[in-house]
Amino acid sequence: QVQLVESGGGLAQPGGSLRPSCVAFGSTSSDKAMSWAPRLPGKGLEWVSGIKSVGSATYYLDSGKGRFTISRDNAKNTVYLQMNNLKPEDTALYYCGNHNYDTVYGPVDAWGQGTLLTVSS
């Protein structure tokens, strides 16, 4: 079973940038789609971005379009989320997930432990 470990969260000012990353260990995830989903304060997980393995097609929630860029390095079993022009409402615990298949519309069978991102002046 794949294990996911996120890192790269932290404190950023409004308008700043952060680049959380997620490394997969164990069973390979390189042929599966991967997604990022923040847990906003007082709310459940909300999918924000995903990326397929074949062709690396990317997908974004409207709130992230133009600000977030998801990418992956299959050789390193790592997925990244470049987050620019951060807003206070981006503050959340960000989880990465490994899908069952190479589609971001399918279920996630493993989540990491999350990395905390705080946007505040």
PDB file of N, CA and C in Angstrom:
ATOM      1  N   GLN A   1       0.844  -1.184   0.000  1.00  0.00           N
ATOM      2  CA  GLN A   1       0.000   0.000   0.000  1.00  0.00           C
ATOM      3  C   GLN A   1       0.887   1.244   0.000  1.00  0.00           C
ATOM      4  N   VAL A   2       0.475   2.233  -0.767  1.00  0.00           N
ATOM      5  CA  VAL A   2       1.264   3.452  -0.871  1.00  0.00           C
ATOM      6  C   VAL A   2       1.115   4.285   0.389  1.00  0.00           C
ATOM      7  N   GLN A   3       2.189   4.924   0.801  1.00  0.00           N
ATOM      8  CA  GLN A   3       2.167   5.887   1.882  1.00  0.00           C
ATOM      9  C   GLN A   3       2.611   7.230   1.325  1.00  0.00           C
ATOM     10  N   LEU A   4       1.913   8.266   1.720  1.00  0.00           N
ATOM     11  CA  LEU A   4       2.165   9.600   1.182  1.00  0.00           C
ATOM     12  C   LEU A   4       2.641  10.511   2.303  1.00  0.00           C
ATOM     13  N   VAL A   5       3.673  11.301   2.025  1.00  0.00           N
ATOM     14  CA  VAL A   5       4.224  12.216   3.011  1.00  0.00           C
ATOM     15  C   VAL A   5       4.321  13.604   2.399  1.00  0.00           C
ATOM     16  N   GLU A   6       3.537  14.535   2.955  1.00  0.00           N
ATOM     17  CA  GLU A   6       3.546  15.910   2.473  1.00  0.00           C
ATOM     18  C   GLU A   6       4.543  16.750   3.267  1.00  0.00           C
ATOM     19  N   SER A   7       5.047  17.778   2.635  1.00  0.00           N
ATOM     20  CA  SER A   7       5.904  18.760   3.288  1.00  0.00           C
ATOM     21  C   SER A   7       5.829  20.052   2.486  1.00  0.00           C
ATOM     22  N   GLY A   8       6.445  21.099   3.021  1.00  0.00           N
ATOM     23  CA  GLY A   8       6.527  22.335   2.271  1.00  0.00           C
ATOM     24  C   GLY A   8       5.476  23.372   2.612  1.00  0.00           C
ATOM     25  N   GLY A   9       4.650  23.063   3.607  1.00  0.00           N
ATOM     26  CA  GLY A   9       3.717  24.083   4.076  1.00  0.00           C
ATOM     27  C   GLY A   9       4.473  25.117   4.894  1.00  0.00           C
ATOM     28  N   GLY A  10       3.733  26.001   5.535  1.00  0.00           N
ATOM     29  CA  GLY A  10       4.389  27.024   6.347  1.00  0.00           C
ATOM     30  C   GLY A  10       3.570  28.293   6.377  1.00  0.00           C
ATOM     31  N   LEU A  11       4.236  29.367   6.728  1.00  0.00           N
ATOM     32  CA  LEU A  11       3.584  30.670   6.852  1.00  0.00           C
ATOM     33  C   LEU A  11       3.971  31.533   5.663  1.00  0.00           C
ATOM     34  N   ALA A  12       2.985  32.128   5.036  1.00  0.00           N
ATOM     35  CA  ALA A  12       3.227  33.033   3.926  1.00  0.00           C
ATOM     36  C   ALA A  12       2.364  34.268   4.100  1.00  0.00           C
ATOM     37  N   GLN A  13       2.822  35.368   3.566  1.00  0.00           N
ATOM     38  CA  GLN A  13       2.031  36.596   3.582  1.00  0.00           C
ATOM     39  C   GLN A  13       1.069  36.587   2.406  1.00  0.00           C
ATOM     40  N   PRO A  14      -0.017  37.311   2.510  1.00  0.00           N
ATOM     41  CA  PRO A  14      -0.910  37.451   1.350  1.00  0.00           C
ATOM     42  C   PRO A  14      -0.129  37.932   0.136  1.00  0.00           C
ATOM     43  N   GLY A  15      -0.376  37.288  -0.994  1.00  0.00           N
ATOM     44  CA  GLY A  15       0.364  37.589  -2.207  1.00  0.00           C
ATOM     45  C   GLY A  15       1.630  36.789  -2.372  1.00  0.00           C
ATOM     46  N   GLY A  16       2.007  36.063  -1.336  1.00  0.00           N
ATOM     47  CA  GLY A  16       3.233  35.259  -1.380  1.00  0.00           C
ATOM     48  C   GLY A  16       3.018  33.927  -2.041  1.00  0.00           C
ATOM     49  N   SER A  17       4.057  33.076  -1.956  1.00  0.00           N
ATOM     50  CA  SER A  17       4.036  31.768  -2.621  1.00  0.00           C
ATOM     51  C   SER A  17       4.543  30.681  -1.688  1.00  0.00           C
ATOM     52  N   LEU A  18       4.046  29.484  -1.900  1.00  0.00           N
ATOM     53  CA  LEU A  18       4.548  28.284  -1.249  1.00  0.00           C
ATOM     54  C   LEU A  18       4.451  27.148  -2.250  1.00  0.00           C
ATOM     55  N   ARG A  19       5.254  26.098  -2.023  1.00  0.00           N
ATOM     56  CA  ARG A  19       5.257  24.953  -2.929  1.00  0.00           C
ATOM     57  C   ARG A  19       5.283  23.661  -2.128  1.00  0.00           C
ATOM     58  N   PRO A  20       4.109  23.245  -1.624  1.00  0.00           N
ATOM     59  CA  PRO A  20       4.088  21.961  -0.931  1.00  0.00           C
ATOM     60  C   PRO A  20       4.392  20.811  -1.893  1.00  0.00           C
ATOM     61  N   SER A  21       4.978  19.746  -1.333  1.00  0.00           N
ATOM     62  CA  SER A  21       5.287  18.571  -2.124  1.00  0.00           C
ATOM     63  C   SER A  21       4.800  17.323  -1.403  1.00  0.00           C
ATOM     64  N   CYS A  22       4.686  16.240  -2.134  1.00  0.00           N
ATOM     65  CA  CYS A  22       4.171  14.983  -1.599  1.00  0.00           C
ATOM     66  C   CYS A  22       4.966  13.840  -2.211  1.00  0.00           C
ATOM     67  N   VAL A  23       5.585  13.038  -1.352  1.00  0.00           N
ATOM     68  CA  VAL A  23       6.374  11.903  -1.810  1.00  0.00           C
ATOM     69  C   VAL A  23       5.618  10.618  -1.501  1.00  0.00           C
ATOM     70  N   ALA A  24       5.574   9.723  -2.465  1.00  0.00           N
ATOM     71  CA  ALA A  24       4.903   8.436  -2.289  1.00  0.00           C
ATOM     72  C   ALA A  24       5.926   7.346  -2.007  1.00  0.00           C
ATOM     73  N   PHE A  25       5.642   6.543  -0.988  1.00  0.00           N
ATOM     74  CA  PHE A  25       6.505   5.416  -0.623  1.00  0.00           C
ATOM     75  C   PHE A  25       5.702   4.128  -0.713  1.00  0.00           C
ATOM     76  N   GLY A  26       6.397   3.038  -0.922  1.00  0.00           N
ATOM     77  CA  GLY A  26       5.726   1.751  -0.974  1.00  0.00           C
ATOM     78  C   GLY A  26       5.285   1.445  -2.389  1.00  0.00           C
ATOM     79  N   SER A  27       4.062   0.949  -2.523  1.00  0.00           N
ATOM     80  CA  SER A  27       3.552   0.626  -3.850  1.00  0.00           C
ATOM     81  C   SER A  27       3.609   1.857  -4.724  1.00  0.00           C
ATOM     82  N   THR A  28       4.038   1.664  -5.963  1.00  0.00           N
ATOM     83  CA  THR A  28       4.219   2.802  -6.847  1.00  0.00           C
ATOM     84  C   THR A  28       2.906   3.515  -7.122  1.00  0.00           C
ATOM     85  N   SER A  29       2.987   4.823  -7.146  1.00  0.00           N
ATOM     86  CA  SER A  29       1.820   5.625  -7.494  1.00  0.00           C
ATOM     87  C   SER A  29       2.025   6.298  -8.838  1.00  0.00           C
ATOM     88  N   SER A  30       3.139   5.970  -9.518  1.00  0.00           N
ATOM     89  CA  SER A  30       3.479   6.706 -10.724  1.00  0.00           C
ATOM     90  C   SER A  30       2.487   6.490 -11.849  1.00  0.00           C
ATOM     91  N   ASP A  31       1.662   5.420 -11.770  1.00  0.00           N
ATOM     92  CA  ASP A  31       0.691   5.180 -12.834  1.00  0.00           C
ATOM     93  C   ASP A  31      -0.725   5.561 -12.400  1.00  0.00           C
ATOM     94  N   LYS A  32      -0.835   6.263 -11.290  1.00  0.00           N
ATOM     95  CA  LYS A  32      -2.136   6.688 -10.776  1.00  0.00           C
ATOM     96  C   LYS A  32      -2.231   8.223 -10.793  1.00  0.00           C
ATOM     97  N   ALA A  33      -3.433   8.716 -10.894  1.00  0.00           N
ATOM     98  CA  ALA A  33      -3.639  10.155 -10.745  1.00  0.00           C
ATOM     99  C   ALA A  33      -3.405  10.552  -9.283  1.00  0.00           C
ATOM    100  N   MET A  34      -2.988  11.795  -9.098  1.00  0.00           N
ATOM    101  CA  MET A  34      -2.753  12.339  -7.764  1.00  0.00           C
ATOM    102  C   MET A  34      -3.527  13.642  -7.617  1.00  0.00           C
ATOM    103  N   SER A  35      -3.930  13.955  -6.402  1.00  0.00           N
ATOM    104  CA  SER A  35      -4.691  15.185  -6.155  1.00  0.00           C
ATOM    105  C   SER A  35      -4.251  15.853  -4.870  1.00  0.00           C
ATOM    106  N   TRP A  36      -4.548  17.135  -4.783  1.00  0.00           N
ATOM    107  CA  TRP A  36      -4.392  17.899  -3.557  1.00  0.00           C
ATOM    108  C   TRP A  36      -5.781  18.326  -3.081  1.00  0.00           C
ATOM    109  N   ALA A  37      -5.977  18.253  -1.767  1.00  0.00           N
ATOM    110  CA  ALA A  37      -7.265  18.621  -1.193  1.00  0.00           C
ATOM    111  C   ALA A  37      -7.021  19.248   0.163  1.00  0.00           C
ATOM    112  N   PRO A  38      -7.328  20.522   0.318  1.00  0.00           N
ATOM    113  CA  PRO A  38      -7.180  21.152   1.627  1.00  0.00           C
ATOM    114  C   PRO A  38      -8.383  20.878   2.518  1.00  0.00           C
ATOM    115  N   ARG A  39      -8.098  20.823   3.813  1.00  0.00           N
ATOM    116  CA  ARG A  39      -9.176  20.787   4.811  1.00  0.00           C
ATOM    117  C   ARG A  39      -9.221  22.169   5.429  1.00  0.00           C
ATOM    118  N   LEU A  40     -10.202  22.977   5.015  1.00  0.00           N
ATOM    119  CA  LEU A  40     -10.324  24.331   5.534  1.00  0.00           C
ATOM    120  C   LEU A  40     -10.841  24.270   6.963  1.00  0.00           C
ATOM    121  N   PRO A  41     -10.539  25.287   7.765  1.00  0.00           N
ATOM    122  CA  PRO A  41     -10.988  25.287   9.164  1.00  0.00           C
ATOM    123  C   PRO A  41     -12.488  25.099   9.290  1.00  0.00           C
ATOM    124  N   GLY A  42     -12.886  24.101  10.033  1.00  0.00           N
ATOM    125  CA  GLY A  42     -14.299  23.859  10.269  1.00  0.00           C
ATOM    126  C   GLY A  42     -15.026  23.181   9.121  1.00  0.00           C
ATOM    127  N   LYS A  43     -14.275  22.730   8.106  1.00  0.00           N
ATOM    128  CA  LYS A  43     -14.904  22.111   6.936  1.00  0.00           C
ATOM    129  C   LYS A  43     -14.213  20.797   6.602  1.00  0.00           C
ATOM    130  N   GLY A  44     -14.772  20.057   5.689  1.00  0.00           N
ATOM    131  CA  GLY A  44     -14.186  18.809   5.241  1.00  0.00           C
ATOM    132  C   GLY A  44     -13.185  19.037   4.139  1.00  0.00           C
ATOM    133  N   LEU A  45     -12.661  17.936   3.587  1.00  0.00           N
ATOM    134  CA  LEU A  45     -11.724  18.036   2.483  1.00  0.00           C
ATOM    135  C   LEU A  45     -12.424  18.612   1.251  1.00  0.00           C
ATOM    136  N   GLU A  46     -11.727  19.505   0.565  1.00  0.00           N
ATOM    137  CA  GLU A  46     -12.249  20.079  -0.677  1.00  0.00           C
ATOM    138  C   GLU A  46     -11.177  19.950  -1.736  1.00  0.00           C
ATOM    139  N   TRP A  47     -11.427  19.115  -2.730  1.00  0.00           N
ATOM    140  CA  TRP A  47     -10.470  18.913  -3.818  1.00  0.00           C
ATOM    141  C   TRP A  47     -10.149  20.239  -4.472  1.00  0.00           C
ATOM    142  N   VAL A  48      -8.857  20.512  -4.750  1.00  0.00           N
ATOM    143  CA  VAL A  48      -8.477  21.783  -5.357  1.00  0.00           C
ATOM    144  C   VAL A  48      -7.702  21.581  -6.657  1.00  0.00           C
ATOM    145  N   SER A  49      -6.990  20.424  -6.793  1.00  0.00           N
ATOM    146  CA  SER A  49      -6.215  20.222  -8.012  1.00  0.00           C
ATOM    147  C   SER A  49      -5.838  18.751  -8.147  1.00  0.00           C
ATOM    148  N   GLY A  50      -5.703  18.308  -9.388  1.00  0.00           N
ATOM    149  CA  GLY A  50      -5.294  16.933  -9.638  1.00  0.00           C
ATOM    150  C   GLY A  50      -4.485  16.829 -10.913  1.00  0.00           C
ATOM    151  N   ILE A  51      -3.757  15.703 -11.039  1.00  0.00           N
ATOM    152  CA  ILE A  51      -2.914  15.496 -12.211  1.00  0.00           C
ATOM    153  C   ILE A  51      -2.902  14.027 -12.564  1.00  0.00           C
ATOM    154  N   LYS A  52      -3.066  13.745 -13.843  1.00  0.00           N
ATOM    155  CA  LYS A  52      -2.995  12.374 -14.325  1.00  0.00           C
ATOM    156  C   LYS A  52      -1.537  11.959 -14.478  1.00  0.00           C
ATOM    157  N   SER A  53      -1.330  10.646 -14.579  1.00  0.00           N
ATOM    158  CA  SER A  53       0.007  10.149 -14.816  1.00  0.00           C
ATOM    159  C   SER A  53       0.346  10.186 -16.297  1.00  0.00           C
ATOM    160  N   VAL A  54      -0.517   9.557 -17.119  1.00  0.00           N
ATOM    161  CA  VAL A  54      -0.278   9.525 -18.554  1.00  0.00           C
ATOM    162  C   VAL A  54      -0.610  10.884 -19.140  1.00  0.00           C
ATOM    163  N   GLY A  55       0.381  11.521 -19.713  1.00  0.00           N
ATOM    164  CA  GLY A  55       0.177  12.828 -20.319  1.00  0.00           C
ATOM    165  C   GLY A  55       0.186  13.989 -19.340  1.00  0.00           C
ATOM    166  N   SER A  56       0.133  13.695 -18.034  1.00  0.00           N
ATOM    167  CA  SER A  56       0.185  14.724 -16.978  1.00  0.00           C
ATOM    168  C   SER A  56      -0.873  15.815 -17.169  1.00  0.00           C
ATOM    169  N   ALA A  57      -2.046  15.455 -17.634  1.00  0.00           N
ATOM    170  CA  ALA A  57      -3.126  16.444 -17.720  1.00  0.00           C
ATOM    171  C   ALA A  57      -3.449  16.952 -16.323  1.00  0.00           C
ATOM    172  N   THR A  58      -3.712  18.245 -16.218  1.00  0.00           N
ATOM    173  CA  THR A  58      -3.951  18.874 -14.919  1.00  0.00           C
ATOM    174  C   THR A  58      -5.362  19.428 -14.817  1.00  0.00           C
ATOM    175  N   TYR A  59      -5.847  19.505 -13.605  1.00  0.00           N
ATOM    176  CA  TYR A  59      -7.209  19.941 -13.340  1.00  0.00           C
ATOM    177  C   TYR A  59      -7.207  20.822 -12.096  1.00  0.00           C
ATOM    178  N   TYR A  60      -8.066  21.858 -12.098  1.00  0.00           N
ATOM    179  CA  TYR A  60      -8.101  22.801 -10.992  1.00  0.00           C
ATOM    180  C   TYR A  60      -9.529  23.193 -10.656  1.00  0.00           C
ATOM    181  N   LEU A  61      -9.752  23.425  -9.355  1.00  0.00           N
ATOM    182  CA  LEU A  61     -10.966  24.081  -8.924  1.00  0.00           C
ATOM    183  C   LEU A  61     -10.850  25.546  -9.335  1.00  0.00           C
ATOM    184  N   ASP A  62     -11.969  26.203  -9.577  1.00  0.00           N
ATOM    185  CA  ASP A  62     -11.923  27.593 -10.045  1.00  0.00           C
ATOM    186  C   ASP A  62     -11.097  28.483  -9.121  1.00  0.00           C
ATOM    187  N   SER A  63     -11.146  28.231  -7.826  1.00  0.00           N
ATOM    188  CA  SER A  63     -10.432  29.088  -6.878  1.00  0.00           C
ATOM    189  C   SER A  63      -8.922  29.027  -7.058  1.00  0.00           C
ATOM    190  N   GLY A  64      -8.430  27.964  -7.700  1.00  0.00           N
ATOM    191  CA  GLY A  64      -6.994  27.810  -7.887  1.00  0.00           C
ATOM    192  C   GLY A  64      -6.503  28.121  -9.283  1.00  0.00           C
ATOM    193  N   LYS A  65      -7.412  28.251 -10.213  1.00  0.00           N
ATOM    194  CA  LYS A  65      -7.002  28.511 -11.595  1.00  0.00           C
ATOM    195  C   LYS A  65      -6.259  29.833 -11.694  1.00  0.00           C
ATOM    196  N   GLY A  66      -5.113  29.805 -12.378  1.00  0.00           N
ATOM    197  CA  GLY A  66      -4.309  31.007 -12.529  1.00  0.00           C
ATOM    198  C   GLY A  66      -3.388  31.285 -11.362  1.00  0.00           C
ATOM    199  N   ARG A  67      -3.598  30.592 -10.243  1.00  0.00           N
ATOM    200  CA  ARG A  67      -2.734  30.801  -9.063  1.00  0.00           C
ATOM    201  C   ARG A  67      -1.956  29.541  -8.712  1.00  0.00           C
ATOM    202  N   PHE A  68      -2.543  28.373  -8.915  1.00  0.00           N
ATOM    203  CA  PHE A  68      -1.914  27.105  -8.533  1.00  0.00           C
ATOM    204  C   PHE A  68      -1.449  26.366  -9.780  1.00  0.00           C
ATOM    205  N   THR A  69      -0.325  25.677  -9.642  1.00  0.00           N
ATOM    206  CA  THR A  69       0.177  24.802 -10.700  1.00  0.00           C
ATOM    207  C   THR A  69       0.585  23.481 -10.078  1.00  0.00           C
ATOM    208  N   ILE A  70      -0.074  22.411 -10.498  1.00  0.00           N
ATOM    209  CA  ILE A  70       0.273  21.080 -10.011  1.00  0.00           C
ATOM    210  C   ILE A  70       1.219  20.433 -11.012  1.00  0.00           C
ATOM    211  N   SER A  71       2.180  19.689 -10.512  1.00  0.00           N
ATOM    212  CA  SER A  71       3.116  18.984 -11.378  1.00  0.00           C
ATOM    213  C   SER A  71       3.573  17.712 -10.671  1.00  0.00           C
ATOM    214  N   ARG A  72       4.204  16.830 -11.421  1.00  0.00           N
ATOM    215  CA  ARG A  72       4.690  15.585 -10.819  1.00  0.00           C
ATOM    216  C   ARG A  72       5.984  15.166 -11.467  1.00  0.00           C
ATOM    217  N   ASP A  73       6.784  14.459 -10.683  1.00  0.00           N
ATOM    218  CA  ASP A  73       8.025  13.865 -11.162  1.00  0.00           C
ATOM    219  C   ASP A  73       7.914  12.382 -10.844  1.00  0.00           C
ATOM    220  N   ASN A  74       7.523  11.597 -11.820  1.00  0.00           N
ATOM    221  CA  ASN A  74       7.289  10.177 -11.568  1.00  0.00           C
ATOM    222  C   ASN A  74       8.559   9.438 -11.182  1.00  0.00           C
ATOM    223  N   ALA A  75       9.707   9.912 -11.656  1.00  0.00           N
ATOM    224  CA  ALA A  75      10.974   9.269 -11.295  1.00  0.00           C
ATOM    225  C   ALA A  75      11.251   9.409  -9.806  1.00  0.00           C
ATOM    226  N   LYS A  76      10.713  10.475  -9.205  1.00  0.00           N
ATOM    227  CA  LYS A  76      10.909  10.724  -7.777  1.00  0.00           C
ATOM    228  C   LYS A  76       9.662  10.405  -6.965  1.00  0.00           C
ATOM    229  N   ASN A  77       8.609   9.883  -7.642  1.00  0.00           N
ATOM    230  CA  ASN A  77       7.340   9.587  -6.963  1.00  0.00           C
ATOM    231  C   ASN A  77       6.854  10.790  -6.160  1.00  0.00           C
ATOM    232  N   THR A  78       6.942  11.964  -6.759  1.00  0.00           N
ATOM    233  CA  THR A  78       6.638  13.209  -6.058  1.00  0.00           C
ATOM    234  C   THR A  78       5.672  14.051  -6.871  1.00  0.00           C
ATOM    235  N   VAL A  79       4.736  14.665  -6.180  1.00  0.00           N
ATOM    236  CA  VAL A  79       3.811  15.618  -6.792  1.00  0.00           C
ATOM    237  C   VAL A  79       3.937  16.938  -6.040  1.00  0.00           C
ATOM    238  N   TYR A  80       3.852  18.014  -6.775  1.00  0.00           N
ATOM    239  CA  TYR A  80       4.037  19.355  -6.222  1.00  0.00           C
ATOM    240  C   TYR A  80       2.784  20.198  -6.462  1.00  0.00           C
ATOM    241  N   LEU A  81       2.624  21.231  -5.631  1.00  0.00           N
ATOM    242  CA  LEU A  81       1.574  22.216  -5.860  1.00  0.00           C
ATOM    243  C   LEU A  81       2.184  23.599  -5.663  1.00  0.00           C
ATOM    244  N   GLN A  82       2.545  24.250  -6.775  1.00  0.00           N
ATOM    245  CA  GLN A  82       3.051  25.616  -6.705  1.00  0.00           C
ATOM    246  C   GLN A  82       1.860  26.553  -6.482  1.00  0.00           C
ATOM    247  N   MET A  83       1.908  27.275  -5.376  1.00  0.00           N
ATOM    248  CA  MET A  83       0.793  28.146  -4.998  1.00  0.00           C
ATOM    249  C   MET A  83       1.288  29.588  -4.979  1.00  0.00           C
ATOM    250  N   ASN A  84       0.757  30.405  -5.860  1.00  0.00           N
ATOM    251  CA  ASN A  84       1.154  31.808  -5.963  1.00  0.00           C
ATOM    252  C   ASN A  84      -0.010  32.718  -5.592  1.00  0.00           C
ATOM    253  N   ASN A  85       0.308  33.982  -5.336  1.00  0.00           N
ATOM    254  CA  ASN A  85      -0.714  34.973  -4.990  1.00  0.00           C
ATOM    255  C   ASN A  85      -1.643  34.432  -3.901  1.00  0.00           C
ATOM    256  N   LEU A  86      -1.043  33.942  -2.832  1.00  0.00           N
ATOM    257  CA  LEU A  86      -1.806  33.303  -1.770  1.00  0.00           C
ATOM    258  C   LEU A  86      -2.732  34.297  -1.080  1.00  0.00           C
ATOM    259  N   LYS A  87      -3.879  33.773  -0.637  1.00  0.00           N
ATOM    260  CA  LYS A  87      -4.890  34.570   0.043  1.00  0.00           C
ATOM    261  C   LYS A  87      -5.137  33.978   1.434  1.00  0.00           C
ATOM    262  N   PRO A  88      -5.585  34.788   2.376  1.00  0.00           N
ATOM    263  CA  PRO A  88      -5.862  34.243   3.718  1.00  0.00           C
ATOM    264  C   PRO A  88      -6.819  33.046   3.686  1.00  0.00           C
ATOM    265  N   GLU A  89      -7.761  33.045   2.753  1.00  0.00           N
ATOM    266  CA  GLU A  89      -8.712  31.937   2.680  1.00  0.00           C
ATOM    267  C   GLU A  89      -8.087  30.647   2.150  1.00  0.00           C
ATOM    268  N   ASP A  90      -6.820  30.692   1.721  1.00  0.00           N
ATOM    269  CA  ASP A  90      -6.104  29.466   1.337  1.00  0.00           C
ATOM    270  C   ASP A  90      -5.579  28.722   2.561  1.00  0.00           C
ATOM    271  N   THR A  91      -5.641  29.366   3.733  1.00  0.00           N
ATOM    272  CA  THR A  91      -5.156  28.739   4.955  1.00  0.00           C
ATOM    273  C   THR A  91      -5.892  27.424   5.204  1.00  0.00           C
ATOM    274  N   ALA A  92      -5.114  26.345   5.335  1.00  0.00           N
ATOM    275  CA  ALA A  92      -5.703  25.018   5.516  1.00  0.00           C
ATOM    276  C   ALA A  92      -4.595  23.996   5.722  1.00  0.00           C
ATOM    277  N   LEU A  93      -5.019  22.802   6.110  1.00  0.00           N
ATOM    278  CA  LEU A  93      -4.147  21.631   6.121  1.00  0.00           C
ATOM    279  C   LEU A  93      -4.297  20.969   4.759  1.00  0.00           C
ATOM    280  N   TYR A  94      -3.207  20.894   4.007  1.00  0.00           N
ATOM    281  CA  TYR A  94      -3.253  20.396   2.634  1.00  0.00           C
ATOM    282  C   TYR A  94      -2.824  18.935   2.584  1.00  0.00           C
ATOM    283  N   TYR A  95      -3.710  18.112   2.030  1.00  0.00           N
ATOM    284  CA  TYR A  95      -3.453  16.682   1.897  1.00  0.00           C
ATOM    285  C   TYR A  95      -3.236  16.332   0.430  1.00  0.00           C
ATOM    286  N   CYS A  96      -2.344  15.383   0.185  1.00  0.00           N
ATOM    287  CA  CYS A  96      -2.277  14.820  -1.157  1.00  0.00           C
ATOM    288  C   CYS A  96      -2.870  13.421  -1.118  1.00  0.00           C
ATOM    289  N   GLY A  97      -3.448  13.038  -2.234  1.00  0.00           N
ATOM    290  CA  GLY A  97      -4.111  11.749  -2.323  1.00  0.00           C
ATOM    291  C   GLY A  97      -3.720  11.007  -3.584  1.00  0.00           C
ATOM    292  N   ASN A  98      -3.727   9.684  -3.466  1.00  0.00           N
ATOM    293  CA  ASN A  98      -3.398   8.812  -4.580  1.00  0.00           C
ATOM    294  C   ASN A  98      -4.687   8.130  -5.042  1.00  0.00           C
ATOM    295  N   HIS A  99      -5.064   8.339  -6.285  1.00  0.00           N
ATOM    296  CA  HIS A  99      -6.311   7.757  -6.791  1.00  0.00           C
ATOM    297  C   HIS A  99      -6.130   6.268  -7.113  1.00  0.00           C
ATOM    298  N   ASN A 100      -7.269   5.592  -7.207  1.00  0.00           N
ATOM    299  CA  ASN A 100      -7.227   4.174  -7.551  1.00  0.00           C
ATOM    300  C   ASN A 100      -6.749   3.946  -8.978  1.00  0.00           C
ATOM    301  N   TYR A 101      -7.099   4.865  -9.859  1.00  0.00           N
ATOM    302  CA  TYR A 101      -6.757   4.736 -11.270  1.00  0.00           C
ATOM    303  C   TYR A 101      -6.201   6.060 -11.778  1.00  0.00           C
ATOM    304  N   ASP A 102      -5.885   6.110 -13.047  1.00  0.00           N
ATOM    305  CA  ASP A 102      -5.313   7.321 -13.619  1.00  0.00           C
ATOM    306  C   ASP A 102      -6.406   8.283 -14.047  1.00  0.00           C
ATOM    307  N   THR A 103      -7.253   8.659 -13.106  1.00  0.00           N
ATOM    308  CA  THR A 103      -8.278   9.668 -13.329  1.00  0.00           C
ATOM    309  C   THR A 103      -8.508  10.402 -12.016  1.00  0.00           C
ATOM    310  N   VAL A 104      -8.638  11.733 -12.099  1.00  0.00           N
ATOM    311  CA  VAL A 104      -8.866  12.532 -10.887  1.00  0.00           C
ATOM    312  C   VAL A 104     -10.332  12.475 -10.472  1.00  0.00           C
ATOM    313  N   TYR A 105     -11.184  11.840 -11.285  1.00  0.00           N
ATOM    314  CA  TYR A 105     -12.609  11.767 -10.976  1.00  0.00           C
ATOM    315  C   TYR A 105     -12.960  10.495 -10.216  1.00  0.00           C
ATOM    316  N   GLY A 106     -11.983   9.640 -10.017  1.00  0.00           N
ATOM    317  CA  GLY A 106     -12.217   8.401  -9.287  1.00  0.00           C
ATOM    318  C   GLY A 106     -11.877   8.553  -7.816  1.00  0.00           C
ATOM    319  N   PRO A 107     -12.138   7.518  -7.024  1.00  0.00           N
ATOM    320  CA  PRO A 107     -11.879   7.590  -5.589  1.00  0.00           C
ATOM    321  C   PRO A 107     -10.385   7.636  -5.260  1.00  0.00           C
ATOM    322  N   VAL A 108     -10.084   8.188  -4.094  1.00  0.00           N
ATOM    323  CA  VAL A 108      -8.721   8.223  -3.568  1.00  0.00           C
ATOM    324  C   VAL A 108      -8.575   7.078  -2.581  1.00  0.00           C
ATOM    325  N   ASP A 109      -7.537   6.276  -2.743  1.00  0.00           N
ATOM    326  CA  ASP A 109      -7.391   5.136  -1.832  1.00  0.00           C
ATOM    327  C   ASP A 109      -6.341   5.369  -0.763  1.00  0.00           C
ATOM    328  N   ALA A 110      -5.666   6.520  -0.799  1.00  0.00           N
ATOM    329  CA  ALA A 110      -4.692   6.820   0.252  1.00  0.00           C
ATOM    330  C   ALA A 110      -4.494   8.325   0.340  1.00  0.00           C
ATOM    331  N   TRP A 111      -4.457   8.821   1.558  1.00  0.00           N
ATOM    332  CA  TRP A 111      -4.169  10.227   1.830  1.00  0.00           C
ATOM    333  C   TRP A 111      -2.939  10.313   2.710  1.00  0.00           C
ATOM    334  N   GLY A 112      -2.195  11.413   2.588  1.00  0.00           N
ATOM    335  CA  GLY A 112      -1.077  11.659   3.476  1.00  0.00           C
ATOM    336  C   GLY A 112      -1.553  12.237   4.792  1.00  0.00           C
ATOM    337  N   GLN A 113      -0.623  12.704   5.601  1.00  0.00           N
ATOM    338  CA  GLN A 113      -0.960  13.247   6.923  1.00  0.00           C
ATOM    339  C   GLN A 113      -1.214  14.745   6.879  1.00  0.00           C
ATOM    340  N   GLY A 114      -0.919  15.364   5.732  1.00  0.00           N
ATOM    341  CA  GLY A 114      -1.189  16.786   5.569  1.00  0.00           C
ATOM    342  C   GLY A 114      -0.014  17.680   5.923  1.00  0.00           C
ATOM    343  N   THR A 115       0.012  18.839   5.308  1.00  0.00           N
ATOM    344  CA  THR A 115       0.999  19.872   5.636  1.00  0.00           C
ATOM    345  C   THR A 115       0.247  21.181   5.790  1.00  0.00           C
ATOM    346  N   LEU A 116       0.522  21.897   6.886  1.00  0.00           N
ATOM    347  CA  LEU A 116      -0.248  23.092   7.231  1.00  0.00           C
ATOM    348  C   LEU A 116       0.291  24.314   6.494  1.00  0.00           C
ATOM    349  N   LEU A 117      -0.616  25.006   5.869  1.00  0.00           N
ATOM    350  CA  LEU A 117      -0.285  26.238   5.169  1.00  0.00           C
ATOM    351  C   LEU A 117      -1.099  27.361   5.785  1.00  0.00           C
ATOM    352  N   THR A 118      -0.419  28.422   6.227  1.00  0.00           N
ATOM    353  CA  THR A 118      -1.080  29.563   6.848  1.00  0.00           C
ATOM    354  C   THR A 118      -0.718  30.823   6.081  1.00  0.00           C
ATOM    355  N   VAL A 119      -1.731  31.548   5.672  1.00  0.00           N
ATOM    356  CA  VAL A 119      -1.525  32.812   4.956  1.00  0.00           C
ATOM    357  C   VAL A 119      -2.017  33.933   5.848  1.00  0.00           C
ATOM    358  N   SER A 120      -1.075  34.755   6.281  1.00  0.00           N
ATOM    359  CA  SER A 120      -1.416  35.816   7.211  1.00  0.00           C
ATOM    360  C   SER A 120      -0.351  36.892   7.166  1.00  0.00           C
ATOM    361  N   SER A 121      -0.794  38.134   7.388  1.00  0.00           N
ATOM    362  CA  SER A 121       0.166  39.239   7.457  1.00  0.00           C
ATOM    363  C   SER A 121       0.591  39.482   8.890  1.00  0.00           C
TER     364      SER A 121
END
